[in-house]
Amino acid sequence: MKLKVTAVDEQLRVTYEENVHFDTDLPEFRTQGGVYVHSDRLTVTSPVLMWVKALDVILEKMKSSGFNFAQVKALSGAGQQHGSVYWKEGAHHILKNLSPDLPLHQSLKACFSVSDSPIWMDSSTASQCFSLEKTVGGAQQLANITGSRAYERFTGNQIAKIYSQNPEVYIQTERITLVSSFAASLFLGDYAPIDYSDGSGMNLLQICDKRWSMTCLNACAPGLEEKLGHTVPSSSVLGSIAPYYIQRYGFSPDCKVVAFTGDNPASLAGMRLEEGDIAISLGTSDTLFLWIQEPMPATEGHILCNPVDSRAYMALLCFKNGSLMRERIRDDCASGSWDEFSKALTSTVTGNNGNLGFYFDVMEITPEAVGIHRFNKDNKKVPDFPKEVEIRALIEGQFMAKRIHAEKLGYKIMPKTRILATGGASHNKEILQVLADVFNTPVYTIDTANSACLGCAYRAIHGLVAETSVSLADVVKLAPAPRLVVTPAAEADEKWLLTWGVRGL
């Protein structure tokens, strides 16, 4: 895990990149992968001061390289979603009066009531999740309110755990921030508000009216609204950069700090999604980002407030059986060759003559299922398929599941819809052809190296003009366009509608 920085100029050209690797550049914290995995194997945390010191290190690297801080007009950032930081009573005064003679980690070393922050990998709050869902009337009702059922990594449940196990620590905490608003606070020299988009990954924010749910807050801990502060649109300008950075690094006093957000929302901005678009990352896990106008929250997947349009939403779906499943079937049915795998896809017909399969080597997230499930054209379960049929059944089944679950969350394909594909399998044109056919929409590829970091740069530019109703799409129109790879076959949609209609999928 790393802290990264990307700078772009007025033409959206990347002019500077740098990073700090937590494990190797900050070995004194003794993390593995930037985290501590505790003895129960469920609790996973990161040291807050490591994040602070990483900012010191990266700014000093930039200074040593001759980076011109005075030219920075605005900055924004992203933090790993669901992580939380706990500021001790009295920390606000220290944050507002940072000495430019000291690195941040020295000034802030005594400012945190919880030294090791719970992060997205933590799964130690099952009892708190159960309690929260019970309080509001069940998992679906919680999803209706906050966009997701209760998840162990979500901030509300992490706060509830801290309050129940260490009430004195909770009482000593004057402000709770997300990792994103924590990082923004460092640049602002003041407590930064939580933005709508990252805030909707907490099981605490009412996604429809962007207000804290008092029922959820009270279910987690007393007095929580005051400790969280208010929320703001994700494109908000929070203020000018703190005097510390002007004096120590030469930033302009006019440099603006735009609200920070979560890494997934920042990636949506970096990939420049627009209304109706889908981004699909085809990696170890397959992940979908969806731009949605009218969400229908469900107990699978997540609805978040859109980071670039406060009137819209984004949906997030994760499928654990991604590339590893594809590689296993490639090894079993195509002699370990992607060329042979692709030939099998082109030698079989769209719809696979009614043969359909769902393949889960490990317990799937969406839906919660495991095992290999094959069905013939008569909807009868069968033990095996011929190799070519198996390969198409896998790929069609994976993409059919994605479309079905996306539509359950309220996604609608529009005439202008594009699929933006990234990840390892996005280099395979035959796999992308199946994707285009299943969704009946063209598929593009896009370079998303450091997409979250690039999205932060785009959002910083957008924040300067967002109040004039200029869209992010207008702001980033000079950025390189995605590349069209495949378009759907003319008859594809009719075949899928027939298949789904007959089987009630």
Protein backbone atom coordinates (compact mmCIF):
# COMPACT_ATOMS: atom_id res chain seq x y z
CA MET A 1 0.00 0.00 0.00
CA LYS A 2 1.20 3.46 -0.88
CA LEU A 3 0.59 7.17 -0.64
CA LYS A 4 0.61 8.59 -4.17
CA VAL A 5 0.60 12.07 -5.70
CA THR A 6 -0.22 13.11 -9.27
CA ALA A 7 -0.07 16.65 -10.67
CA VAL A 8 -1.70 17.75 -13.93
CA ASP A 9 -1.49 20.99 -15.89
CA GLU A 10 -4.23 23.03 -17.59
CA GLN A 11 -4.22 20.62 -20.55
CA LEU A 12 -4.71 17.67 -18.13
CA ARG A 13 -1.23 16.35 -18.91
CA VAL A 14 0.38 14.51 -16.00
CA THR A 15 3.40 16.58 -15.06
CA TYR A 16 4.53 14.89 -11.85
CA GLU A 17 4.09 11.59 -10.02
CA GLU A 18 5.59 10.30 -6.78
CA ASN A 19 4.76 7.73 -4.11
CA VAL A 20 5.71 6.53 -0.66
CA HIS A 21 5.54 2.79 0.04
CA PHE A 22 4.41 2.24 3.61
CA ASP A 23 6.31 -1.01 4.28
CA THR A 24 9.66 -0.10 2.70
CA ASP A 25 9.81 3.70 3.06
CA LEU A 26 8.49 3.69 6.64
CA PRO A 27 9.90 0.43 8.06
CA GLU A 28 9.78 1.72 11.64
CA PHE A 29 6.03 1.06 11.71
CA ARG A 30 6.57 -2.66 10.90
CA THR A 31 3.46 -3.03 8.75
CA GLN A 32 2.86 -5.73 6.18
CA GLY A 33 0.94 -4.41 3.21
CA GLY A 34 0.53 -1.18 5.18
CA VAL A 35 -1.54 -2.88 7.89
CA TYR A 36 -1.47 -4.80 11.14
CA VAL A 37 -3.43 -8.06 11.18
CA HIS A 38 -4.25 -8.75 14.82
CA SER A 39 -4.11 -12.11 16.58
CA ASP A 40 -7.84 -12.78 16.14
CA ARG A 41 -7.28 -12.60 12.33
CA LEU A 42 -10.43 -10.45 12.13
CA THR A 43 -9.16 -7.09 13.38
CA VAL A 44 -7.09 -5.18 10.82
CA THR A 45 -5.71 -1.68 11.47
CA SER A 46 -3.17 0.85 10.21
CA PRO A 47 -1.12 3.26 12.37
CA VAL A 48 -2.41 6.81 11.94
CA LEU A 49 1.03 8.37 12.44
CA MET A 50 2.34 6.26 9.53
CA TRP A 51 -0.12 8.03 7.23
CA VAL A 52 0.90 11.41 8.66
CA LYS A 53 4.61 10.68 8.28
CA ALA A 54 4.02 9.43 4.72
CA LEU A 55 2.69 12.89 3.86
CA ASP A 56 5.81 14.44 5.38
CA VAL A 57 8.02 12.14 3.29
CA ILE A 58 6.22 12.70 -0.01
CA LEU A 59 6.19 16.49 0.39
CA GLU A 60 9.91 16.47 1.16
CA LYS A 61 10.52 14.30 -1.90
CA MET A 62 8.61 16.81 -4.01
CA LYS A 63 10.56 19.71 -2.50
CA SER A 64 13.91 17.98 -3.15
CA SER A 65 12.96 17.33 -6.77
CA GLY A 66 12.27 21.02 -7.35
CA PHE A 67 8.49 20.75 -7.61
CA ASN A 68 6.98 24.25 -7.82
CA PHE A 69 4.30 24.28 -5.11
CA ALA A 70 3.48 27.94 -5.87
CA GLN A 71 1.84 26.89 -9.15
CA VAL A 72 -0.72 24.61 -7.47
CA LYS A 73 -4.15 26.24 -7.81
CA ALA A 74 -6.17 23.51 -6.11
CA LEU A 75 -5.71 20.08 -4.60
CA SER A 76 -7.95 17.21 -3.64
CA GLY A 77 -7.40 13.63 -2.58
CA ALA A 78 -8.80 10.21 -1.81
CA GLY A 79 -8.50 7.79 1.07
CA GLN A 80 -9.21 4.10 1.33
CA GLN A 81 -12.93 3.80 1.96
CA HIS A 82 -14.32 2.75 5.36
CA GLY A 83 -11.19 3.61 7.37
CA SER A 84 -11.69 6.02 10.28
CA VAL A 85 -9.49 8.35 12.36
CA TYR A 86 -10.20 9.45 15.95
CA TRP A 87 -8.95 12.89 17.06
CA LYS A 88 -8.35 13.38 20.80
CA GLU A 89 -9.73 16.32 22.79
CA GLY A 90 -7.47 19.31 22.21
CA ALA A 91 -6.25 18.10 18.79
CA HIS A 92 -8.15 20.82 16.95
CA HIS A 93 -6.10 23.57 18.58
CA ILE A 94 -2.85 21.82 17.60
CA LEU A 95 -4.05 21.24 14.02
CA LYS A 96 -4.92 24.92 13.60
CA ASN A 97 -1.52 26.06 14.92
CA LEU A 98 1.01 23.82 13.19
CA SER A 99 4.62 25.02 13.40
CA PRO A 100 6.32 25.19 9.97
CA ASP A 101 9.59 24.29 11.71
CA LEU A 102 8.38 20.77 12.52
CA PRO A 103 7.24 17.87 10.33
CA LEU A 104 3.57 17.01 10.72
CA HIS A 105 4.10 13.71 12.52
CA GLN A 106 6.00 15.44 15.34
CA SER A 107 3.32 18.07 15.86
CA LEU A 108 0.44 15.59 15.71
CA LYS A 109 1.93 12.60 17.55
CA ALA A 110 -0.33 13.03 20.59
CA CYS A 111 -3.49 14.02 18.71
CA PHE A 112 -5.24 10.67 18.24
CA SER A 113 -7.32 8.83 20.82
CA VAL A 114 -7.07 5.63 18.73
CA SER A 115 -3.52 5.13 17.49
CA ASP A 116 -4.33 2.31 15.06
CA SER A 117 -7.24 3.04 12.73
CA PRO A 118 -9.73 0.34 11.73
CA ILE A 119 -9.66 -0.04 7.93
CA TRP A 120 -11.61 -1.69 5.10
CA MET A 121 -10.03 -5.12 5.71
CA ASP A 122 -11.44 -5.35 9.25
CA SER A 123 -14.15 -7.95 9.85
CA SER A 124 -14.45 -7.87 13.65
CA THR A 125 -17.82 -6.13 14.06
CA ALA A 126 -20.36 -8.87 13.31
CA SER A 127 -22.31 -8.28 16.53
CA GLN A 128 -22.49 -4.52 15.88
CA CYS A 129 -23.78 -5.17 12.33
CA PHE A 130 -26.48 -7.46 13.66
CA SER A 131 -27.51 -4.89 16.25
CA LEU A 132 -27.68 -2.03 13.73
CA GLU A 133 -29.83 -3.99 11.28
CA LYS A 134 -32.13 -5.09 14.09
CA THR A 135 -32.55 -1.51 15.29
CA VAL A 136 -33.65 -0.13 11.91
CA GLY A 137 -35.86 -3.08 10.92
CA GLY A 138 -33.61 -5.40 8.95
CA ALA A 139 -30.89 -5.48 6.30
CA GLN A 140 -33.08 -4.22 3.46
CA GLN A 141 -34.37 -1.29 5.51
CA LEU A 142 -30.81 -0.30 6.40
CA ALA A 143 -29.92 -0.49 2.69
CA ASN A 144 -32.93 1.69 1.87
CA ILE A 145 -31.67 4.32 4.32
CA THR A 146 -27.89 4.20 3.85
CA GLY A 147 -27.35 2.46 0.49
CA SER A 148 -25.95 -0.78 1.95
CA ARG A 149 -26.84 -3.45 4.46
CA ALA A 150 -24.57 -3.56 7.50
CA TYR A 151 -20.97 -4.41 6.65
CA GLU A 152 -18.29 -5.17 9.21
CA ARG A 153 -15.82 -2.70 7.67
CA PHE A 154 -18.31 0.20 7.56
CA THR A 155 -17.56 3.09 9.88
CA GLY A 156 -20.75 3.11 11.94
CA ASN A 157 -20.13 -0.44 13.09
CA GLN A 158 -16.47 0.31 13.82
CA ILE A 159 -17.49 3.29 15.97
CA ALA A 160 -20.03 1.12 17.79
CA LYS A 161 -17.30 -1.42 18.58
CA ILE A 162 -14.96 1.26 19.95
CA TYR A 163 -17.75 2.72 22.08
CA SER A 164 -18.79 -0.67 23.47
CA GLN A 165 -15.25 -1.88 24.22
CA ASN A 166 -13.55 1.41 25.19
CA PRO A 167 -16.19 3.98 26.16
CA GLU A 168 -13.56 6.21 27.79
CA VAL A 169 -11.66 6.40 24.49
CA TYR A 170 -14.85 7.37 22.68
CA ILE A 171 -15.60 10.07 25.27
CA GLN A 172 -12.06 11.48 24.83
CA THR A 173 -12.59 11.75 21.05
CA GLU A 174 -13.60 15.22 19.84
CA ARG A 175 -13.86 14.44 16.11
CA ILE A 176 -14.16 11.30 14.00
CA THR A 177 -13.05 11.57 10.38
CA LEU A 178 -12.84 9.17 7.49
CA VAL A 179 -9.37 8.59 6.04
CA SER A 180 -10.34 10.98 3.24
CA SER A 181 -11.52 13.84 5.45
CA PHE A 182 -8.58 13.17 7.81
CA ALA A 183 -6.16 13.79 4.92
CA ALA A 184 -8.11 16.90 3.87
CA SER A 185 -7.90 18.13 7.48
CA LEU A 186 -4.11 17.94 7.35
CA PHE A 187 -4.02 20.28 4.34
CA LEU A 188 -6.76 22.55 5.64
CA GLY A 189 -5.30 22.95 9.15
CA ASP A 190 -8.83 22.43 10.43
CA TYR A 191 -11.32 19.60 10.69
CA ALA A 192 -12.56 18.92 7.16
CA PRO A 193 -16.16 17.78 6.70
CA ILE A 194 -16.99 14.35 5.33
CA ASP A 195 -18.14 14.48 1.71
CA TYR A 196 -21.43 12.92 0.58
CA SER A 197 -19.84 10.17 -1.51
CA ASP A 198 -17.40 8.73 1.04
CA GLY A 199 -19.94 9.42 3.78
CA SER A 200 -22.39 7.07 2.11
CA GLY A 201 -20.05 4.15 2.84
CA MET A 202 -20.57 4.34 6.61
CA ASN A 203 -24.06 2.85 7.24
CA LEU A 204 -24.88 6.24 8.77
CA LEU A 205 -25.83 8.69 6.00
CA GLN A 206 -29.30 8.88 4.49
CA ILE A 207 -28.41 8.71 0.81
CA CYS A 208 -31.61 10.40 -0.37
CA ASP A 209 -31.35 13.65 1.59
CA LYS A 210 -27.61 13.48 2.44
CA ARG A 211 -28.24 13.88 6.18
CA TRP A 212 -27.08 11.72 9.04
CA SER A 213 -29.67 9.14 10.06
CA MET A 214 -30.33 9.84 13.72
CA THR A 215 -31.65 6.29 14.16
CA CYS A 216 -28.38 4.84 12.86
CA LEU A 217 -26.23 7.31 14.81
CA ASN A 218 -28.01 6.56 18.08
CA ALA A 219 -27.74 2.82 17.44
CA CYS A 220 -23.95 3.14 17.23
CA ALA A 221 -22.94 5.58 19.98
CA PRO A 222 -24.27 8.60 21.92
CA GLY A 223 -23.45 12.12 20.78
CA LEU A 224 -22.15 10.86 17.46
CA GLU A 225 -23.54 13.65 15.28
CA GLU A 226 -21.37 16.24 17.01
CA LYS A 227 -18.26 14.07 16.66
CA LEU A 228 -18.85 13.55 12.92
CA GLY A 229 -19.70 17.15 12.00
CA HIS A 230 -21.73 18.09 8.93
CA THR A 231 -21.42 16.64 5.43
CA VAL A 232 -20.78 18.53 2.18
CA PRO A 233 -21.12 17.94 -1.58
CA SER A 234 -18.06 16.14 -2.93
CA SER A 235 -17.13 19.06 -5.21
CA SER A 236 -17.07 21.60 -2.35
CA VAL A 237 -14.17 23.99 -1.91
CA LEU A 238 -13.38 23.65 1.80
CA GLY A 239 -11.11 26.68 2.01
CA SER A 240 -7.52 27.74 1.33
CA ILE A 241 -4.48 25.67 2.21
CA ALA A 242 -3.15 26.06 5.77
CA PRO A 243 -0.35 28.58 6.48
CA TYR A 244 1.92 25.64 7.42
CA TYR A 245 2.25 24.60 3.76
CA ILE A 246 2.71 28.17 2.53
CA GLN A 247 5.59 28.73 4.93
CA ARG A 248 7.24 25.29 4.79
CA TYR A 249 6.81 24.38 1.10
CA GLY A 250 5.93 27.58 -0.76
CA PHE A 251 2.31 26.89 -1.66
CA SER A 252 0.35 29.92 -2.86
CA PRO A 253 -2.04 31.38 -0.24
CA ASP A 254 -4.70 31.16 -2.98
CA CYS A 255 -4.40 27.36 -3.32
CA LYS A 256 -7.81 25.82 -2.62
CA VAL A 257 -8.56 22.53 -0.87
CA VAL A 258 -11.43 20.65 -2.54
CA ALA A 259 -13.26 18.02 -0.48
CA PHE A 260 -11.46 14.68 -0.40
CA THR A 261 -13.44 11.48 -1.07
CA GLY A 262 -13.08 7.69 -1.07
CA ASP A 263 -10.82 5.78 -3.43
CA ASN A 264 -13.69 4.15 -5.33
CA PRO A 265 -15.57 7.42 -5.96
CA ALA A 266 -12.27 9.02 -6.99
CA SER A 267 -11.76 6.21 -9.51
CA LEU A 268 -15.17 6.96 -11.01
CA ALA A 269 -13.95 10.52 -11.56
CA GLY A 270 -10.60 9.33 -12.90
CA MET A 271 -12.32 7.06 -15.43
CA ARG A 272 -14.57 10.00 -16.40
CA LEU A 273 -17.84 8.09 -16.18
CA GLU A 274 -20.97 9.88 -17.33
CA GLU A 275 -24.68 9.20 -16.89
CA GLY A 276 -25.53 5.63 -17.91
CA ASP A 277 -21.91 4.48 -18.14
CA ILE A 278 -20.43 1.35 -16.61
CA ALA A 279 -16.81 0.78 -15.61
CA ILE A 280 -15.80 -2.85 -15.21
CA SER A 281 -12.49 -3.85 -13.70
CA LEU A 282 -11.73 -7.43 -14.73
CA GLY A 283 -9.10 -8.39 -12.20
CA THR A 284 -8.61 -10.92 -9.40
CA SER A 285 -12.03 -9.74 -8.31
CA ASP A 286 -14.37 -8.19 -10.86
CA THR A 287 -15.72 -4.77 -9.83
CA LEU A 288 -18.46 -2.68 -11.42
CA PHE A 289 -18.89 1.08 -11.04
CA LEU A 290 -22.27 2.28 -12.29
CA TRP A 291 -23.68 5.78 -12.81
CA ILE A 292 -27.31 5.63 -11.64
CA GLN A 293 -30.05 8.26 -11.56
CA GLU A 294 -32.76 6.39 -9.61
CA PRO A 295 -31.19 3.88 -7.21
CA MET A 296 -32.90 0.80 -5.82
CA PRO A 297 -30.78 -0.24 -2.82
CA ALA A 298 -30.47 -3.98 -2.23
CA THR A 299 -28.83 -6.29 0.28
CA GLU A 300 -26.16 -7.09 -2.32
CA GLY A 301 -23.95 -4.29 -3.64
CA HIS A 302 -23.66 -0.68 -2.57
CA ILE A 303 -25.31 2.60 -3.53
CA LEU A 304 -23.12 5.66 -2.94
CA CYS A 305 -23.71 9.32 -3.60
CA ASN A 306 -22.13 10.29 -6.91
CA PRO A 307 -18.80 12.13 -6.37
CA VAL A 308 -19.14 14.45 -9.38
CA ASP A 309 -22.90 15.06 -9.55
CA SER A 310 -24.73 15.45 -6.22
CA ARG A 311 -28.09 14.72 -7.92
CA ALA A 312 -26.94 11.28 -9.10
CA TYR A 313 -25.63 8.08 -7.53
CA MET A 314 -22.98 5.49 -8.14
CA ALA A 315 -23.38 1.80 -7.51
CA LEU A 316 -20.58 -0.56 -6.64
CA LEU A 317 -20.71 -4.30 -7.15
CA CYS A 318 -17.87 -6.70 -6.36
CA PHE A 319 -17.58 -10.29 -7.61
CA LYS A 320 -14.89 -12.37 -5.91
CA ASN A 321 -14.67 -15.09 -8.60
CA GLY A 322 -12.99 -13.03 -11.31
CA SER A 323 -9.73 -13.71 -13.11
CA LEU A 324 -8.72 -16.67 -10.94
CA MET A 325 -11.90 -18.45 -12.03
CA ARG A 326 -11.23 -17.59 -15.67
CA GLU A 327 -7.65 -18.82 -15.36
CA ARG A 328 -8.77 -22.11 -13.82
CA ILE A 329 -11.19 -22.84 -16.68
CA ARG A 330 -8.50 -21.74 -19.16
CA ASP A 331 -6.11 -24.28 -17.63
CA ASP A 332 -8.75 -27.04 -17.55
CA CYS A 333 -10.29 -26.47 -20.99
CA ALA A 334 -7.73 -24.61 -23.12
CA SER A 335 -4.37 -26.14 -22.09
CA GLY A 336 -3.50 -22.98 -20.20
CA SER A 337 -3.57 -20.92 -23.41
CA TRP A 338 -5.50 -17.67 -23.78
CA ASP A 339 -5.29 -18.10 -27.57
CA GLU A 340 -7.09 -21.44 -27.31
CA PHE A 341 -9.55 -19.90 -24.87
CA SER A 342 -10.34 -17.12 -27.35
CA LYS A 343 -10.74 -19.59 -30.22
CA ALA A 344 -13.31 -21.49 -28.16
CA LEU A 345 -15.30 -18.27 -27.70
CA THR A 346 -15.31 -17.53 -31.42
CA SER A 347 -16.21 -21.13 -32.34
CA THR A 348 -19.37 -21.10 -30.20
CA VAL A 349 -22.49 -19.05 -30.79
CA THR A 350 -23.91 -16.16 -28.81
CA GLY A 351 -26.26 -17.63 -26.21
CA ASN A 352 -24.31 -20.94 -26.18
CA ASN A 353 -27.31 -22.81 -27.61
CA GLY A 354 -29.05 -22.35 -24.25
CA ASN A 355 -26.24 -23.82 -22.15
CA LEU A 356 -25.55 -21.67 -19.10
CA GLY A 357 -23.14 -21.88 -16.16
CA PHE A 358 -22.32 -20.08 -12.94
CA TYR A 359 -18.84 -20.73 -11.55
CA PHE A 360 -17.80 -20.00 -7.95
CA ASP A 361 -14.59 -21.67 -6.77
CA VAL A 362 -14.73 -19.58 -3.58
CA MET A 363 -17.75 -18.21 -1.73
CA GLU A 364 -19.09 -15.41 -3.91
CA ILE A 365 -20.05 -11.96 -2.60
CA THR A 366 -22.71 -11.22 -5.22
CA PRO A 367 -24.66 -13.48 -4.84
CA GLU A 368 -23.64 -15.44 -1.75
CA ALA A 369 -23.07 -18.78 -3.46
CA VAL A 370 -20.36 -21.38 -4.04
CA GLY A 371 -19.79 -24.27 -6.44
CA ILE A 372 -20.18 -24.91 -10.18
CA HIS A 373 -23.73 -24.84 -11.52
CA ARG A 374 -24.37 -25.88 -15.16
CA PHE A 375 -27.75 -25.86 -16.93
CA ASN A 376 -28.66 -27.10 -20.41
CA LYS A 377 -31.15 -25.52 -22.81
CA ASP A 378 -34.03 -27.27 -20.98
CA ASN A 379 -32.95 -25.62 -17.70
CA LYS A 380 -31.86 -29.02 -16.33
CA LYS A 381 -28.74 -29.16 -14.18
CA VAL A 382 -25.95 -31.16 -15.83
CA PRO A 383 -22.58 -32.40 -14.49
CA ASP A 384 -20.35 -31.13 -17.32
CA PHE A 385 -20.09 -29.39 -20.69
CA PRO A 386 -17.82 -29.91 -23.71
CA LYS A 387 -14.71 -27.74 -23.32
CA GLU A 388 -15.75 -25.03 -25.82
CA VAL A 389 -19.25 -24.86 -24.30
CA GLU A 390 -17.71 -24.66 -20.79
CA ILE A 391 -15.58 -21.66 -21.74
CA ARG A 392 -18.49 -19.70 -23.24
CA ALA A 393 -20.78 -20.72 -20.37
CA LEU A 394 -18.27 -19.28 -17.88
CA ILE A 395 -17.84 -15.93 -19.62
CA GLU A 396 -21.51 -15.47 -20.49
CA GLY A 397 -22.54 -16.48 -16.98
CA GLN A 398 -20.13 -14.02 -15.37
CA PHE A 399 -21.40 -11.11 -17.46
CA MET A 400 -25.07 -12.09 -17.20
CA ALA A 401 -24.74 -12.05 -13.40
CA LYS A 402 -23.21 -8.58 -13.56
CA ARG A 403 -26.03 -7.20 -15.69
CA ILE A 404 -28.76 -8.83 -13.57
CA HIS A 405 -27.35 -7.47 -10.30
CA ALA A 406 -26.72 -4.03 -11.80
CA GLU A 407 -30.35 -3.79 -12.93
CA LYS A 408 -31.51 -4.89 -9.47
CA LEU A 409 -29.79 -1.76 -8.10
CA GLY A 410 -31.64 0.46 -10.56
CA TYR A 411 -29.19 0.54 -13.46
CA LYS A 412 -30.73 1.18 -16.88
CA ILE A 413 -28.94 0.88 -20.20
CA MET A 414 -29.31 4.08 -22.22
CA PRO A 415 -28.67 4.79 -25.92
CA LYS A 416 -25.43 6.59 -24.99
CA THR A 417 -24.25 3.96 -22.51
CA ARG A 418 -20.62 2.90 -22.72
CA ILE A 419 -18.77 0.14 -20.91
CA LEU A 420 -15.25 1.16 -19.89
CA ALA A 421 -13.23 -2.01 -19.30
CA THR A 422 -9.99 -2.23 -17.37
CA GLY A 423 -7.91 -4.97 -15.78
CA GLY A 424 -6.17 -8.04 -17.18
CA ALA A 425 -9.10 -9.53 -19.13
CA SER A 426 -9.74 -6.19 -20.86
CA HIS A 427 -6.85 -7.07 -23.18
CA ASN A 428 -8.80 -10.06 -24.56
CA LYS A 429 -11.01 -8.87 -27.42
CA GLU A 430 -13.07 -12.08 -27.51
CA ILE A 431 -13.98 -11.78 -23.84
CA LEU A 432 -14.94 -8.13 -24.40
CA GLN A 433 -17.15 -9.16 -27.34
CA VAL A 434 -19.19 -11.34 -24.99
CA LEU A 435 -19.39 -8.41 -22.56
CA ALA A 436 -20.69 -6.14 -25.34
CA ASP A 437 -23.25 -8.75 -26.42
CA VAL A 438 -24.59 -9.40 -22.91
CA PHE A 439 -25.03 -5.70 -22.11
CA ASN A 440 -25.92 -4.79 -25.71
CA THR A 441 -23.62 -1.78 -25.57
CA PRO A 442 -20.18 -0.89 -26.98
CA VAL A 443 -17.07 -1.63 -24.93
CA TYR A 444 -14.13 0.75 -24.66
CA THR A 445 -10.83 0.35 -22.92
CA ILE A 446 -9.18 3.08 -20.90
CA ASP A 447 -5.79 3.49 -19.26
CA THR A 448 -6.62 3.61 -15.56
CA ALA A 449 -3.16 3.48 -14.04
CA ASN A 450 -3.58 5.44 -10.81
CA SER A 451 -7.20 6.21 -11.72
CA ALA A 452 -8.09 7.26 -8.16
CA CYS A 453 -5.14 9.64 -7.96
CA LEU A 454 -5.89 11.08 -11.39
CA GLY A 455 -9.54 11.42 -10.37
CA CYS A 456 -8.44 13.56 -7.43
CA ALA A 457 -6.60 15.92 -9.79
CA TYR A 458 -9.67 16.14 -12.04
CA ARG A 459 -11.91 16.78 -9.02
CA ALA A 460 -9.58 19.55 -7.82
CA ILE A 461 -9.97 21.33 -11.16
CA HIS A 462 -13.72 20.71 -11.16
CA GLY A 463 -14.08 22.05 -7.62
CA LEU A 464 -12.92 25.48 -8.76
CA VAL A 465 -15.85 25.78 -11.19
CA ALA A 466 -18.45 23.36 -9.79
CA GLU A 467 -20.59 26.11 -8.28
CA THR A 468 -21.17 27.50 -11.80
CA SER A 469 -22.85 24.18 -12.78
CA VAL A 470 -19.99 23.16 -15.08
CA SER A 471 -19.89 19.35 -15.24
CA LEU A 472 -16.80 17.24 -14.67
CA ALA A 473 -17.19 15.97 -18.25
CA ASP A 474 -16.76 19.54 -19.53
CA VAL A 475 -13.73 20.09 -17.33
CA VAL A 476 -11.91 16.93 -18.47
CA LYS A 477 -12.82 16.95 -22.17
CA LEU A 478 -9.16 17.45 -23.08
CA ALA A 479 -8.18 14.16 -21.43
CA PRO A 480 -7.40 11.17 -23.73
CA ALA A 481 -10.60 9.55 -24.97
CA PRO A 482 -11.35 5.86 -24.28
CA ARG A 483 -10.65 3.49 -27.19
CA LEU A 484 -13.57 1.65 -28.81
CA VAL A 485 -12.77 -2.08 -28.96
CA VAL A 486 -16.00 -3.95 -29.79
CA THR A 487 -19.68 -3.31 -30.50
CA PRO A 488 -22.54 -5.75 -29.74
CA ALA A 489 -23.68 -8.20 -32.39
CA ALA A 490 -26.95 -7.15 -34.02
CA GLU A 491 -28.96 -10.08 -32.71
CA ALA A 492 -27.34 -10.33 -29.26
CA ASP A 493 -29.97 -8.53 -27.18
CA GLU A 494 -32.85 -10.62 -28.54
CA LYS A 495 -31.01 -13.83 -27.61
CA TRP A 496 -30.35 -12.65 -24.07
CA LEU A 497 -33.91 -11.48 -23.53
CA LEU A 498 -35.16 -14.86 -24.69
CA THR A 499 -32.74 -16.72 -22.42
CA TRP A 500 -33.57 -14.61 -19.35
CA GLY A 501 -37.31 -14.62 -20.03
CA VAL A 502 -37.55 -18.39 -20.39
CA ARG A 503 -35.54 -19.03 -17.22
CA GLY A 504 -36.89 -16.22 -15.11
CA LEU A 505 -33.41 -14.82 -14.47
